[in-house]
Amino acid sequence: MRSPNIRKPYVGLDNDINNGMTEVGRIIRDARVFGLIDEEETCAGWLQPGLEDLWHKVQIEWDKYGCQVSGLPEELRERYLRIQGEAVKQALAAGWTPGEDED
Protein backbone atom coordinates (compact mmCIF):
# COMPACT_ATOMS: atom_id res chain seq x y z
CA MET A 1 0.00 0.00 0.00
CA ARG A 2 1.36 3.39 -0.92
CA SER A 3 1.19 5.25 2.37
CA PRO A 4 -0.80 8.45 2.51
CA ASN A 5 0.85 11.44 4.15
CA ILE A 6 0.80 10.74 7.90
CA ARG A 7 0.32 14.42 8.74
CA LYS A 8 -2.60 14.82 6.41
CA PRO A 9 -5.85 12.99 7.21
CA TYR A 10 -7.33 10.84 4.45
CA VAL A 11 -10.00 12.75 2.51
CA GLY A 12 -12.47 9.88 2.57
CA LEU A 13 -13.51 7.39 -0.07
CA ASP A 14 -16.12 9.74 -1.52
CA ASN A 15 -13.54 12.49 -2.03
CA ASP A 16 -10.61 10.34 -3.14
CA ILE A 17 -9.00 10.57 -6.58
CA ASN A 18 -11.08 9.00 -9.35
CA ASN A 19 -14.02 8.40 -6.99
CA GLY A 20 -11.92 6.10 -4.83
CA MET A 21 -10.34 4.05 -7.58
CA THR A 22 -7.07 4.11 -5.66
CA GLU A 23 -5.13 1.66 -3.53
CA VAL A 24 -6.61 3.11 -0.35
CA GLY A 25 -10.07 3.04 -1.91
CA ARG A 26 -9.69 -0.64 -2.77
CA ILE A 27 -8.66 -1.41 0.81
CA ILE A 28 -11.69 0.43 2.18
CA ARG A 29 -14.06 -1.37 -0.19
CA ASP A 30 -12.48 -4.73 0.67
CA ALA A 31 -12.79 -3.93 4.39
CA ARG A 32 -16.49 -3.32 3.79
CA VAL A 33 -16.79 -6.68 2.04
CA PHE A 34 -15.23 -8.50 4.99
CA GLY A 35 -17.31 -6.59 7.54
CA LEU A 36 -14.26 -4.92 9.09
CA ILE A 37 -15.98 -1.53 8.73
CA ASP A 38 -19.56 -0.49 8.01
CA GLU A 39 -20.45 -0.06 4.35
CA GLU A 40 -21.12 3.63 5.05
CA GLU A 41 -17.64 4.21 6.53
CA THR A 42 -15.51 6.38 4.21
CA CYS A 43 -12.49 6.56 6.54
CA ALA A 44 -12.48 10.37 6.19
CA GLY A 45 -10.07 11.86 8.71
CA TRP A 46 -8.15 8.64 9.26
CA LEU A 47 -4.36 8.89 9.50
CA GLN A 48 -1.77 6.55 8.03
CA PRO A 49 -1.51 4.21 11.05
CA GLY A 50 -5.26 3.54 11.02
CA LEU A 51 -5.29 2.92 7.27
CA GLU A 52 -2.27 0.61 7.53
CA ASP A 53 -3.96 -1.33 10.34
CA LEU A 54 -7.05 -1.72 8.15
CA TRP A 55 -4.85 -2.89 5.25
CA HIS A 56 -3.29 -5.58 7.46
CA LYS A 57 -6.73 -6.78 8.58
CA VAL A 58 -7.94 -6.90 4.97
CA GLN A 59 -4.84 -8.87 3.96
CA ILE A 60 -5.49 -11.43 6.70
CA GLU A 61 -9.03 -11.91 5.37
CA TRP A 62 -7.90 -12.27 1.74
CA ASP A 63 -5.26 -14.81 2.80
CA LYS A 64 -8.04 -17.04 4.16
CA TYR A 65 -9.44 -17.33 0.65
CA GLY A 66 -6.23 -17.61 -1.34
CA CYS A 67 -6.42 -13.93 -2.33
CA GLN A 68 -8.95 -14.88 -5.01
CA VAL A 69 -12.49 -13.62 -5.49
CA SER A 70 -13.37 -17.12 -6.71
CA GLY A 71 -12.26 -18.46 -3.33
CA LEU A 72 -14.73 -16.34 -1.40
CA PRO A 73 -17.85 -17.98 0.03
CA GLU A 74 -20.98 -17.14 -1.97
CA GLU A 75 -22.19 -14.41 0.43
CA LEU A 76 -18.84 -12.61 0.45
CA ARG A 77 -18.40 -13.02 -3.32
CA GLU A 78 -21.83 -11.47 -3.95
CA ARG A 79 -21.05 -8.60 -1.55
CA TYR A 80 -17.64 -8.07 -3.21
CA LEU A 81 -19.16 -7.97 -6.70
CA ARG A 82 -21.91 -5.58 -5.57
CA ILE A 83 -19.56 -3.17 -3.76
CA GLN A 84 -16.93 -3.19 -6.51
CA GLY A 85 -19.55 -2.95 -9.25
CA GLU A 86 -21.20 0.09 -7.66
CA ALA A 87 -17.80 1.75 -7.19
CA VAL A 88 -16.81 1.19 -10.81
CA LYS A 89 -20.16 2.55 -12.09
CA GLN A 90 -19.81 5.69 -9.97
CA ALA A 91 -16.20 6.22 -11.01
CA LEU A 92 -16.99 5.76 -14.71
CA ALA A 93 -19.90 8.19 -14.43
CA ALA A 94 -17.51 10.72 -12.87
CA GLY A 95 -15.09 10.38 -15.80
CA TRP A 96 -12.63 7.75 -14.55
CA THR A 97 -10.87 5.75 -17.25
CA PRO A 98 -9.65 2.33 -16.08
CA GLY A 99 -5.88 1.98 -16.30
CA GLU A 100 -5.20 5.68 -16.87
CA ASP A 101 -3.31 6.02 -13.59
CA GLU A 102 -1.25 2.84 -13.90
CA ASP A 103 2.45 3.22 -14.61
PDB file of N, CA and C in Angstrom:
ATOM      1  N   MET A   1       0.855  -1.175   0.000  1.00  0.00           N
ATOM      2  CA  MET A   1       0.000   0.000   0.000  1.00  0.00           C
ATOM      3  C   MET A   1       0.893   1.226   0.000  1.00  0.00           C
ATOM      4  N   ARG A   2       0.647   2.111  -0.909  1.00  0.00           N
ATOM      5  CA  ARG A   2       1.355   3.386  -0.924  1.00  0.00           C
ATOM      6  C   ARG A   2       0.796   4.219   0.205  1.00  0.00           C
ATOM      7  N   SER A   3       1.645   4.574   1.156  1.00  0.00           N
ATOM      8  CA  SER A   3       1.188   5.252   2.372  1.00  0.00           C
ATOM      9  C   SER A   3       0.773   6.684   2.102  1.00  0.00           C
ATOM     10  N   PRO A   4      -0.410   7.047   2.591  1.00  0.00           N
ATOM     11  CA  PRO A   4      -0.798   8.452   2.506  1.00  0.00           C
ATOM     12  C   PRO A   4       0.064   9.269   3.457  1.00  0.00           C
ATOM     13  N   ASN A   5       0.068  10.551   3.289  1.00  0.00           N
ATOM     14  CA  ASN A   5       0.846  11.439   4.152  1.00  0.00           C
ATOM     15  C   ASN A   5       0.326  11.346   5.579  1.00  0.00           C
ATOM     16  N   ILE A   6       1.199  10.954   6.510  1.00  0.00           N
ATOM     17  CA  ILE A   6       0.799  10.735   7.900  1.00  0.00           C
ATOM     18  C   ILE A   6       0.278  12.016   8.561  1.00  0.00           C
ATOM     19  N   ARG A   7       0.746  13.155   8.127  1.00  0.00           N
ATOM     20  CA  ARG A   7       0.318  14.420   8.735  1.00  0.00           C
ATOM     21  C   ARG A   7      -1.001  14.905   8.179  1.00  0.00           C
ATOM     22  N   LYS A   8      -1.394  14.357   7.083  1.00  0.00           N
ATOM     23  CA  LYS A   8      -2.599  14.819   6.412  1.00  0.00           C
ATOM     24  C   LYS A   8      -3.660  13.718   6.497  1.00  0.00           C
ATOM     25  N   PRO A   9      -4.801  14.001   7.123  1.00  0.00           N
ATOM     26  CA  PRO A   9      -5.851  12.987   7.214  1.00  0.00           C
ATOM     27  C   PRO A   9      -6.358  12.594   5.825  1.00  0.00           C
ATOM     28  N   TYR A  10      -6.761  11.342   5.703  1.00  0.00           N
ATOM     29  CA  TYR A  10      -7.326  10.844   4.453  1.00  0.00           C
ATOM     30  C   TYR A  10      -8.625  11.594   4.169  1.00  0.00           C
ATOM     31  N   VAL A  11      -8.844  11.931   2.905  1.00  0.00           N
ATOM     32  CA  VAL A  11     -10.001  12.745   2.508  1.00  0.00           C
ATOM     33  C   VAL A  11     -11.321  11.987   2.540  1.00  0.00           C
ATOM     34  N   GLY A  12     -11.257  10.697   2.571  1.00  0.00           N
ATOM     35  CA  GLY A  12     -12.467   9.876   2.566  1.00  0.00           C
ATOM     36  C   GLY A  12     -12.707   9.282   1.192  1.00  0.00           C
ATOM     37  N   LEU A  13     -13.290   8.123   1.178  1.00  0.00           N
ATOM     38  CA  LEU A  13     -13.512   7.388  -0.067  1.00  0.00           C
ATOM     39  C   LEU A  13     -14.291   8.215  -1.083  1.00  0.00           C
ATOM     40  N   ASP A  14     -15.290   8.947  -0.615  1.00  0.00           N
ATOM     41  CA  ASP A  14     -16.124   9.740  -1.524  1.00  0.00           C
ATOM     42  C   ASP A  14     -15.389  10.924  -2.150  1.00  0.00           C
ATOM     43  N   ASN A  15     -14.295  11.346  -1.533  1.00  0.00           N
ATOM     44  CA  ASN A  15     -13.536  12.495  -2.034  1.00  0.00           C
ATOM     45  C   ASN A  15     -12.173  12.109  -2.591  1.00  0.00           C
ATOM     46  N   ASP A  16     -11.896  10.825  -2.663  1.00  0.00           N
ATOM     47  CA  ASP A  16     -10.606  10.344  -3.139  1.00  0.00           C
ATOM     48  C   ASP A  16     -10.498  10.529  -4.652  1.00  0.00           C
ATOM     49  N   ILE A  17      -9.283  10.454  -5.147  1.00  0.00           N
ATOM     50  CA  ILE A  17      -9.004  10.574  -6.578  1.00  0.00           C
ATOM     51  C   ILE A  17      -9.800   9.518  -7.340  1.00  0.00           C
ATOM     52  N   ASN A  18     -10.337   9.908  -8.480  1.00  0.00           N
ATOM     53  CA  ASN A  18     -11.084   8.997  -9.349  1.00  0.00           C
ATOM     54  C   ASN A  18     -12.200   8.258  -8.611  1.00  0.00           C
ATOM     55  N   ASN A  19     -12.906   8.976  -7.754  1.00  0.00           N
ATOM     56  CA  ASN A  19     -14.023   8.399  -6.993  1.00  0.00           C
ATOM     57  C   ASN A  19     -13.607   7.168  -6.191  1.00  0.00           C
ATOM     58  N   GLY A  20     -12.385   7.191  -5.679  1.00  0.00           N
ATOM     59  CA  GLY A  20     -11.923   6.100  -4.834  1.00  0.00           C
ATOM     60  C   GLY A  20     -11.300   4.932  -5.575  1.00  0.00           C
ATOM     61  N   MET A  21     -11.002   5.110  -6.832  1.00  0.00           N
ATOM     62  CA  MET A  21     -10.337   4.049  -7.580  1.00  0.00           C
ATOM     63  C   MET A  21      -8.823   4.155  -7.353  1.00  0.00           C
ATOM     64  N   THR A  22      -8.459   4.028  -6.094  1.00  0.00           N
ATOM     65  CA  THR A  22      -7.072   4.111  -5.659  1.00  0.00           C
ATOM     66  C   THR A  22      -6.768   2.907  -4.782  1.00  0.00           C
ATOM     67  N   GLU A  23      -5.517   2.761  -4.413  1.00  0.00           N
ATOM     68  CA  GLU A  23      -5.127   1.664  -3.527  1.00  0.00           C
ATOM     69  C   GLU A  23      -5.855   1.750  -2.190  1.00  0.00           C
ATOM     70  N   VAL A  24      -5.919   2.938  -1.624  1.00  0.00           N
ATOM     71  CA  VAL A  24      -6.614   3.110  -0.347  1.00  0.00           C
ATOM     72  C   VAL A  24      -8.106   2.842  -0.532  1.00  0.00           C
ATOM     73  N   GLY A  25      -8.670   3.293  -1.632  1.00  0.00           N
ATOM     74  CA  GLY A  25     -10.075   3.039  -1.912  1.00  0.00           C
ATOM     75  C   GLY A  25     -10.381   1.556  -2.007  1.00  0.00           C
ATOM     76  N   ARG A  26      -9.504   0.818  -2.649  1.00  0.00           N
ATOM     77  CA  ARG A  26      -9.693  -0.637  -2.765  1.00  0.00           C
ATOM     78  C   ARG A  26      -9.672  -1.284  -1.388  1.00  0.00           C
ATOM     79  N   ILE A  27      -8.753  -0.853  -0.545  1.00  0.00           N
ATOM     80  CA  ILE A  27      -8.657  -1.412   0.806  1.00  0.00           C
ATOM     81  C   ILE A  27      -9.946  -1.134   1.585  1.00  0.00           C
ATOM     82  N   ILE A  28     -10.456   0.075   1.467  1.00  0.00           N
ATOM     83  CA  ILE A  28     -11.694   0.426   2.178  1.00  0.00           C
ATOM     84  C   ILE A  28     -12.853  -0.418   1.664  1.00  0.00           C
ATOM     85  N   ARG A  29     -12.968  -0.553   0.356  1.00  0.00           N
ATOM     86  CA  ARG A  29     -14.059  -1.374  -0.189  1.00  0.00           C
ATOM     87  C   ARG A  29     -13.914  -2.830   0.247  1.00  0.00           C
ATOM     88  N   ASP A  30     -12.691  -3.348   0.226  1.00  0.00           N
ATOM     89  CA  ASP A  30     -12.481  -4.727   0.672  1.00  0.00           C
ATOM     90  C   ASP A  30     -12.805  -4.876   2.158  1.00  0.00           C
ATOM     91  N   ALA A  31     -12.468  -3.882   2.957  1.00  0.00           N
ATOM     92  CA  ALA A  31     -12.792  -3.925   4.390  1.00  0.00           C
ATOM     93  C   ALA A  31     -14.304  -3.960   4.583  1.00  0.00           C
ATOM     94  N   ARG A  32     -15.028  -3.279   3.739  1.00  0.00           N
ATOM     95  CA  ARG A  32     -16.489  -3.322   3.786  1.00  0.00           C
ATOM     96  C   ARG A  32     -16.983  -4.731   3.457  1.00  0.00           C
ATOM     97  N   VAL A  33     -16.399  -5.334   2.443  1.00  0.00           N
ATOM     98  CA  VAL A  33     -16.789  -6.684   2.041  1.00  0.00           C
ATOM     99  C   VAL A  33     -16.638  -7.650   3.211  1.00  0.00           C
ATOM    100  N   PHE A  34     -15.518  -7.566   3.913  1.00  0.00           N
ATOM    101  CA  PHE A  34     -15.228  -8.504   4.995  1.00  0.00           C
ATOM    102  C   PHE A  34     -15.870  -8.105   6.325  1.00  0.00           C
ATOM    103  N   GLY A  35     -16.622  -7.007   6.322  1.00  0.00           N
ATOM    104  CA  GLY A  35     -17.309  -6.588   7.540  1.00  0.00           C
ATOM    105  C   GLY A  35     -16.378  -5.994   8.587  1.00  0.00           C
ATOM    106  N   LEU A  36     -15.211  -5.539   8.160  1.00  0.00           N
ATOM    107  CA  LEU A  36     -14.265  -4.916   9.086  1.00  0.00           C
ATOM    108  C   LEU A  36     -14.675  -3.494   9.432  1.00  0.00           C
ATOM    109  N   ILE A  37     -15.403  -2.858   8.518  1.00  0.00           N
ATOM    110  CA  ILE A  37     -15.978  -1.528   8.732  1.00  0.00           C
ATOM    111  C   ILE A  37     -17.382  -1.542   8.139  1.00  0.00           C
ATOM    112  N   ASP A  38     -18.215  -0.618   8.574  1.00  0.00           N
ATOM    113  CA  ASP A  38     -19.560  -0.492   8.006  1.00  0.00           C
ATOM    114  C   ASP A  38     -19.468  -0.069   6.547  1.00  0.00           C
ATOM    115  N   GLU A  39     -20.453  -0.433   5.771  1.00  0.00           N
ATOM    116  CA  GLU A  39     -20.454  -0.055   4.352  1.00  0.00           C
ATOM    117  C   GLU A  39     -20.561   1.451   4.157  1.00  0.00           C
ATOM    118  N   GLU A  40     -21.014   2.176   5.159  1.00  0.00           N
ATOM    119  CA  GLU A  40     -21.122   3.630   5.051  1.00  0.00           C
ATOM    120  C   GLU A  40     -19.824   4.336   5.457  1.00  0.00           C
ATOM    121  N   GLU A  41     -18.896   3.611   6.059  1.00  0.00           N
ATOM    122  CA  GLU A  41     -17.637   4.213   6.528  1.00  0.00           C
ATOM    123  C   GLU A  41     -16.775   4.618   5.336  1.00  0.00           C
ATOM    124  N   THR A  42     -16.365   5.891   5.293  1.00  0.00           N
ATOM    125  CA  THR A  42     -15.509   6.380   4.209  1.00  0.00           C
ATOM    126  C   THR A  42     -14.064   6.547   4.650  1.00  0.00           C
ATOM    127  N   CYS A  43     -13.812   6.408   5.941  1.00  0.00           N
ATOM    128  CA  CYS A  43     -12.486   6.565   6.541  1.00  0.00           C
ATOM    129  C   CYS A  43     -11.968   8.007   6.453  1.00  0.00           C
ATOM    130  N   ALA A  44     -12.860   8.956   6.213  1.00  0.00           N
ATOM    131  CA  ALA A  44     -12.476  10.373   6.187  1.00  0.00           C
ATOM    132  C   ALA A  44     -11.884  10.743   7.539  1.00  0.00           C
ATOM    133  N   GLY A  45     -10.738  11.408   7.495  1.00  0.00           N
ATOM    134  CA  GLY A  45     -10.071  11.856   8.708  1.00  0.00           C
ATOM    135  C   GLY A  45      -9.102  10.845   9.293  1.00  0.00           C
ATOM    136  N   TRP A  46      -9.068   9.641   8.745  1.00  0.00           N
ATOM    137  CA  TRP A  46      -8.149   8.636   9.258  1.00  0.00           C
ATOM    138  C   TRP A  46      -6.716   9.013   8.880  1.00  0.00           C
ATOM    139  N   LEU A  47      -5.785   8.681   9.754  1.00  0.00           N
ATOM    140  CA  LEU A  47      -4.359   8.894   9.496  1.00  0.00           C
ATOM    141  C   LEU A  47      -3.717   7.583   9.039  1.00  0.00           C
ATOM    142  N   GLN A  48      -2.503   7.691   8.586  1.00  0.00           N
ATOM    143  CA  GLN A  48      -1.775   6.551   8.030  1.00  0.00           C
ATOM    144  C   GLN A  48      -1.793   5.317   8.934  1.00  0.00           C
ATOM    145  N   PRO A  49      -1.518   5.428  10.232  1.00  0.00           N
ATOM    146  CA  PRO A  49      -1.510   4.211  11.054  1.00  0.00           C
ATOM    147  C   PRO A  49      -2.849   3.464  11.046  1.00  0.00           C
ATOM    148  N   GLY A  50      -3.945   4.173  11.058  1.00  0.00           N
ATOM    149  CA  GLY A  50      -5.258   3.541  11.019  1.00  0.00           C
ATOM    150  C   GLY A  50      -5.519   2.857   9.685  1.00  0.00           C
ATOM    151  N   LEU A  51      -5.117   3.502   8.598  1.00  0.00           N
ATOM    152  CA  LEU A  51      -5.287   2.917   7.266  1.00  0.00           C
ATOM    153  C   LEU A  51      -4.391   1.699   7.095  1.00  0.00           C
ATOM    154  N   GLU A  52      -3.176   1.754   7.626  1.00  0.00           N
ATOM    155  CA  GLU A  52      -2.272   0.607   7.531  1.00  0.00           C
ATOM    156  C   GLU A  52      -2.793  -0.565   8.355  1.00  0.00           C
ATOM    157  N   ASP A  53      -3.367  -0.281   9.517  1.00  0.00           N
ATOM    158  CA  ASP A  53      -3.964  -1.333  10.336  1.00  0.00           C
ATOM    159  C   ASP A  53      -5.121  -1.990   9.585  1.00  0.00           C
ATOM    160  N   LEU A  54      -5.940  -1.186   8.933  1.00  0.00           N
ATOM    161  CA  LEU A  54      -7.050  -1.717   8.150  1.00  0.00           C
ATOM    162  C   LEU A  54      -6.520  -2.581   7.011  1.00  0.00           C
ATOM    163  N   TRP A  55      -5.460  -2.135   6.343  1.00  0.00           N
ATOM    164  CA  TRP A  55      -4.853  -2.891   5.247  1.00  0.00           C
ATOM    165  C   TRP A  55      -4.399  -4.260   5.748  1.00  0.00           C
ATOM    166  N   HIS A  56      -3.755  -4.300   6.904  1.00  0.00           N
ATOM    167  CA  HIS A  56      -3.295  -5.582   7.461  1.00  0.00           C
ATOM    168  C   HIS A  56      -4.473  -6.507   7.747  1.00  0.00           C
ATOM    169  N   LYS A  57      -5.541  -5.976   8.294  1.00  0.00           N
ATOM    170  CA  LYS A  57      -6.727  -6.781   8.584  1.00  0.00           C
ATOM    171  C   LYS A  57      -7.354  -7.313   7.295  1.00  0.00           C
ATOM    172  N   VAL A  58      -7.405  -6.476   6.265  1.00  0.00           N
ATOM    173  CA  VAL A  58      -7.944  -6.898   4.968  1.00  0.00           C
ATOM    174  C   VAL A  58      -7.069  -8.011   4.392  1.00  0.00           C
ATOM    175  N   GLN A  59      -5.762  -7.860   4.504  1.00  0.00           N
ATOM    176  CA  GLN A  59      -4.843  -8.866   3.958  1.00  0.00           C
ATOM    177  C   GLN A  59      -5.029 -10.215   4.651  1.00  0.00           C
ATOM    178  N   ILE A  60      -5.238 -10.193   5.952  1.00  0.00           N
ATOM    179  CA  ILE A  60      -5.490 -11.427   6.703  1.00  0.00           C
ATOM    180  C   ILE A  60      -6.742 -12.115   6.175  1.00  0.00           C
ATOM    181  N   GLU A  61      -7.782 -11.337   5.900  1.00  0.00           N
ATOM    182  CA  GLU A  61      -9.025 -11.906   5.369  1.00  0.00           C
ATOM    183  C   GLU A  61      -8.813 -12.496   3.978  1.00  0.00           C
ATOM    184  N   TRP A  62      -8.139 -11.761   3.101  1.00  0.00           N
ATOM    185  CA  TRP A  62      -7.900 -12.270   1.744  1.00  0.00           C
ATOM    186  C   TRP A  62      -7.077 -13.547   1.788  1.00  0.00           C
ATOM    187  N   ASP A  63      -6.107 -13.617   2.688  1.00  0.00           N
ATOM    188  CA  ASP A  63      -5.261 -14.809   2.797  1.00  0.00           C
ATOM    189  C   ASP A  63      -6.086 -16.061   3.101  1.00  0.00           C
ATOM    190  N   LYS A  64      -7.173 -15.907   3.834  1.00  0.00           N
ATOM    191  CA  LYS A  64      -8.043 -17.037   4.163  1.00  0.00           C
ATOM    192  C   LYS A  64      -8.659 -17.669   2.916  1.00  0.00           C
ATOM    193  N   TYR A  65      -8.768 -16.871   1.860  1.00  0.00           N
ATOM    194  CA  TYR A  65      -9.443 -17.325   0.645  1.00  0.00           C
ATOM    195  C   TYR A  65      -8.502 -17.380  -0.556  1.00  0.00           C
ATOM    196  N   GLY A  66      -7.211 -17.495  -0.269  1.00  0.00           N
ATOM    197  CA  GLY A  66      -6.233 -17.607  -1.344  1.00  0.00           C
ATOM    198  C   GLY A  66      -6.098 -16.356  -2.175  1.00  0.00           C
ATOM    199  N   CYS A  67      -6.509 -15.223  -1.633  1.00  0.00           N
ATOM    200  CA  CYS A  67      -6.419 -13.926  -2.326  1.00  0.00           C
ATOM    201  C   CYS A  67      -7.142 -13.935  -3.673  1.00  0.00           C
ATOM    202  N   GLN A  68      -8.198 -14.742  -3.767  1.00  0.00           N
ATOM    203  CA  GLN A  68      -8.954 -14.876  -5.005  1.00  0.00           C
ATOM    204  C   GLN A  68     -10.441 -14.642  -4.749  1.00  0.00           C
ATOM    205  N   VAL A  69     -11.051 -13.841  -5.593  1.00  0.00           N
ATOM    206  CA  VAL A  69     -12.494 -13.623  -5.489  1.00  0.00           C
ATOM    207  C   VAL A  69     -13.216 -14.957  -5.625  1.00  0.00           C
ATOM    208  N   SER A  70     -12.728 -15.816  -6.505  1.00  0.00           N
ATOM    209  CA  SER A  70     -13.365 -17.118  -6.714  1.00  0.00           C
ATOM    210  C   SER A  70     -13.288 -18.002  -5.475  1.00  0.00           C
ATOM    211  N   GLY A  71     -12.380 -17.698  -4.554  1.00  0.00           N
ATOM    212  CA  GLY A  71     -12.256 -18.463  -3.327  1.00  0.00           C
ATOM    213  C   GLY A  71     -13.177 -17.996  -2.214  1.00  0.00           C
ATOM    214  N   LEU A  72     -13.834 -16.865  -2.420  1.00  0.00           N
ATOM    215  CA  LEU A  72     -14.733 -16.335  -1.398  1.00  0.00           C
ATOM    216  C   LEU A  72     -15.997 -17.180  -1.299  1.00  0.00           C
ATOM    217  N   PRO A  73     -16.532 -17.342  -0.096  1.00  0.00           N
ATOM    218  CA  PRO A  73     -17.845 -17.980   0.031  1.00  0.00           C
ATOM    219  C   PRO A  73     -18.879 -17.147  -0.733  1.00  0.00           C
ATOM    220  N   GLU A  74     -19.956 -17.781  -1.130  1.00  0.00           N
ATOM    221  CA  GLU A  74     -20.979 -17.139  -1.966  1.00  0.00           C
ATOM    222  C   GLU A  74     -21.408 -15.768  -1.438  1.00  0.00           C
ATOM    223  N   GLU A  75     -21.716 -15.679  -0.142  1.00  0.00           N
ATOM    224  CA  GLU A  75     -22.188 -14.411   0.428  1.00  0.00           C
ATOM    225  C   GLU A  75     -21.144 -13.299   0.277  1.00  0.00           C
ATOM    226  N   LEU A  76     -19.897 -13.615   0.581  1.00  0.00           N
ATOM    227  CA  LEU A  76     -18.835 -12.607   0.450  1.00  0.00           C
ATOM    228  C   LEU A  76     -18.580 -12.264  -1.008  1.00  0.00           C
ATOM    229  N   ARG A  77     -18.628 -13.275  -1.895  1.00  0.00           N
ATOM    230  CA  ARG A  77     -18.402 -13.018  -3.322  1.00  0.00           C
ATOM    231  C   ARG A  77     -19.483 -12.090  -3.868  1.00  0.00           C
ATOM    232  N   GLU A  78     -20.737 -12.338  -3.488  1.00  0.00           N
ATOM    233  CA  GLU A  78     -21.833 -11.470  -3.951  1.00  0.00           C
ATOM    234  C   GLU A  78     -21.655 -10.050  -3.415  1.00  0.00           C
ATOM    235  N   ARG A  79     -21.270  -9.918  -2.144  1.00  0.00           N
ATOM    236  CA  ARG A  79     -21.053  -8.598  -1.554  1.00  0.00           C
ATOM    237  C   ARG A  79     -19.889  -7.892  -2.256  1.00  0.00           C
ATOM    238  N   TYR A  80     -18.806  -8.630  -2.519  1.00  0.00           N
ATOM    239  CA  TYR A  80     -17.645  -8.071  -3.214  1.00  0.00           C
ATOM    240  C   TYR A  80     -18.056  -7.538  -4.590  1.00  0.00           C
ATOM    241  N   LEU A  81     -18.757  -8.374  -5.351  1.00  0.00           N
ATOM    242  CA  LEU A  81     -19.160  -7.968  -6.703  1.00  0.00           C
ATOM    243  C   LEU A  81     -20.099  -6.763  -6.676  1.00  0.00           C
ATOM    244  N   ARG A  82     -20.992  -6.719  -5.694  1.00  0.00           N
ATOM    245  CA  ARG A  82     -21.905  -5.579  -5.571  1.00  0.00           C
ATOM    246  C   ARG A  82     -21.142  -4.301  -5.226  1.00  0.00           C
ATOM    247  N   ILE A  83     -20.302  -4.359  -4.206  1.00  0.00           N
ATOM    248  CA  ILE A  83     -19.565  -3.174  -3.756  1.00  0.00           C
ATOM    249  C   ILE A  83     -18.612  -2.684  -4.838  1.00  0.00           C
ATOM    250  N   GLN A  84     -17.869  -3.586  -5.453  1.00  0.00           N
ATOM    251  CA  GLN A  84     -16.931  -3.185  -6.506  1.00  0.00           C
ATOM    252  C   GLN A  84     -17.680  -2.684  -7.740  1.00  0.00           C
ATOM    253  N   GLY A  85     -18.770  -3.369  -8.075  1.00  0.00           N
ATOM    254  CA  GLY A  85     -19.552  -2.953  -9.248  1.00  0.00           C
ATOM    255  C   GLY A  85     -20.118  -1.554  -9.096  1.00  0.00           C
ATOM    256  N   GLU A  86     -20.668  -1.257  -7.920  1.00  0.00           N
ATOM    257  CA  GLU A  86     -21.198   0.087  -7.658  1.00  0.00           C
ATOM    258  C   GLU A  86     -20.089   1.133  -7.730  1.00  0.00           C
ATOM    259  N   ALA A  87     -18.919   0.800  -7.182  1.00  0.00           N
ATOM    260  CA  ALA A  87     -17.802   1.748  -7.185  1.00  0.00           C
ATOM    261  C   ALA A  87     -17.331   2.039  -8.612  1.00  0.00           C
ATOM    262  N   VAL A  88     -17.248   1.009  -9.420  1.00  0.00           N
ATOM    263  CA  VAL A  88     -16.811   1.190 -10.809  1.00  0.00           C
ATOM    264  C   VAL A  88     -17.829   2.038 -11.573  1.00  0.00           C
ATOM    265  N   LYS A  89     -19.122   1.756 -11.405  1.00  0.00           N
ATOM    266  CA  LYS A  89     -20.162   2.547 -12.086  1.00  0.00           C
ATOM    267  C   LYS A  89     -20.067   4.018 -11.717  1.00  0.00           C
ATOM    268  N   GLN A  90     -19.904   4.298 -10.425  1.00  0.00           N
ATOM    269  CA  GLN A  90     -19.808   5.688  -9.967  1.00  0.00           C
ATOM    270  C   GLN A  90     -18.552   6.362 -10.520  1.00  0.00           C
ATOM    271  N   ALA A  91     -17.449   5.645 -10.515  1.00  0.00           N
ATOM    272  CA  ALA A  91     -16.200   6.224 -11.009  1.00  0.00           C
ATOM    273  C   ALA A  91     -16.278   6.493 -12.515  1.00  0.00           C
ATOM    274  N   LEU A  92     -16.840   5.559 -13.262  1.00  0.00           N
ATOM    275  CA  LEU A  92     -16.986   5.759 -14.707  1.00  0.00           C
ATOM    276  C   LEU A  92     -17.884   6.957 -15.000  1.00  0.00           C
ATOM    277  N   ALA A  93     -18.979   7.077 -14.242  1.00  0.00           N
ATOM    278  CA  ALA A  93     -19.900   8.194 -14.426  1.00  0.00           C
ATOM    279  C   ALA A  93     -19.224   9.524 -14.116  1.00  0.00           C
ATOM    280  N   ALA A  94     -18.226   9.504 -13.244  1.00  0.00           N
ATOM    281  CA  ALA A  94     -17.508  10.725 -12.874  1.00  0.00           C
ATOM    282  C   ALA A  94     -16.323  10.996 -13.806  1.00  0.00           C
ATOM    283  N   GLY A  95     -16.136  10.124 -14.815  1.00  0.00           N
ATOM    284  CA  GLY A  95     -15.087  10.382 -15.797  1.00  0.00           C
ATOM    285  C   GLY A  95     -13.825   9.559 -15.640  1.00  0.00           C
ATOM    286  N   TRP A  96     -13.804   8.599 -14.733  1.00  0.00           N
ATOM    287  CA  TRP A  96     -12.628   7.749 -14.547  1.00  0.00           C
ATOM    288  C   TRP A  96     -12.448   6.834 -15.747  1.00  0.00           C
ATOM    289  N   THR A  97     -11.208   6.686 -16.188  1.00  0.00           N
ATOM    290  CA  THR A  97     -10.867   5.751 -17.251  1.00  0.00           C
ATOM    291  C   THR A  97      -9.993   4.661 -16.654  1.00  0.00           C
ATOM    292  N   PRO A  98     -10.447   3.413 -16.668  1.00  0.00           N
ATOM    293  CA  PRO A  98      -9.652   2.331 -16.081  1.00  0.00           C
ATOM    294  C   PRO A  98      -8.260   2.270 -16.708  1.00  0.00           C
ATOM    295  N   GLY A  99      -7.265   2.117 -15.838  1.00  0.00           N
ATOM    296  CA  GLY A  99      -5.885   1.979 -16.297  1.00  0.00           C
ATOM    297  C   GLY A  99      -5.157   3.276 -16.563  1.00  0.00           C
ATOM    298  N   GLU A 100      -5.854   4.405 -16.516  1.00  0.00           N
ATOM    299  CA  GLU A 100      -5.198   5.681 -16.868  1.00  0.00           C
ATOM    300  C   GLU A 100      -4.140   6.100 -15.857  1.00  0.00           C
ATOM    301  N   ASP A 101      -4.257   5.619 -14.618  1.00  0.00           N
ATOM    302  CA  ASP A 101      -3.309   6.020 -13.590  1.00  0.00           C
ATOM    303  C   ASP A 101      -2.283   4.942 -13.281  1.00  0.00           C
ATOM    304  N   GLU A 102      -2.210   3.906 -14.124  1.00  0.00           N
ATOM    305  CA  GLU A 102      -1.250   2.835 -13.903  1.00  0.00           C
ATOM    306  C   GLU A 102       0.021   3.111 -14.687  1.00  0.00           C
ATOM    307  N   ASP A 103       1.132   3.059 -13.979  1.00  0.00           N
ATOM    308  CA  ASP A 103       2.446   3.221 -14.613  1.00  0.00           C
ATOM    309  C   ASP A 103       3.379   2.151 -14.129  1.00  0.00           C
TER     310      ASP A 103
END
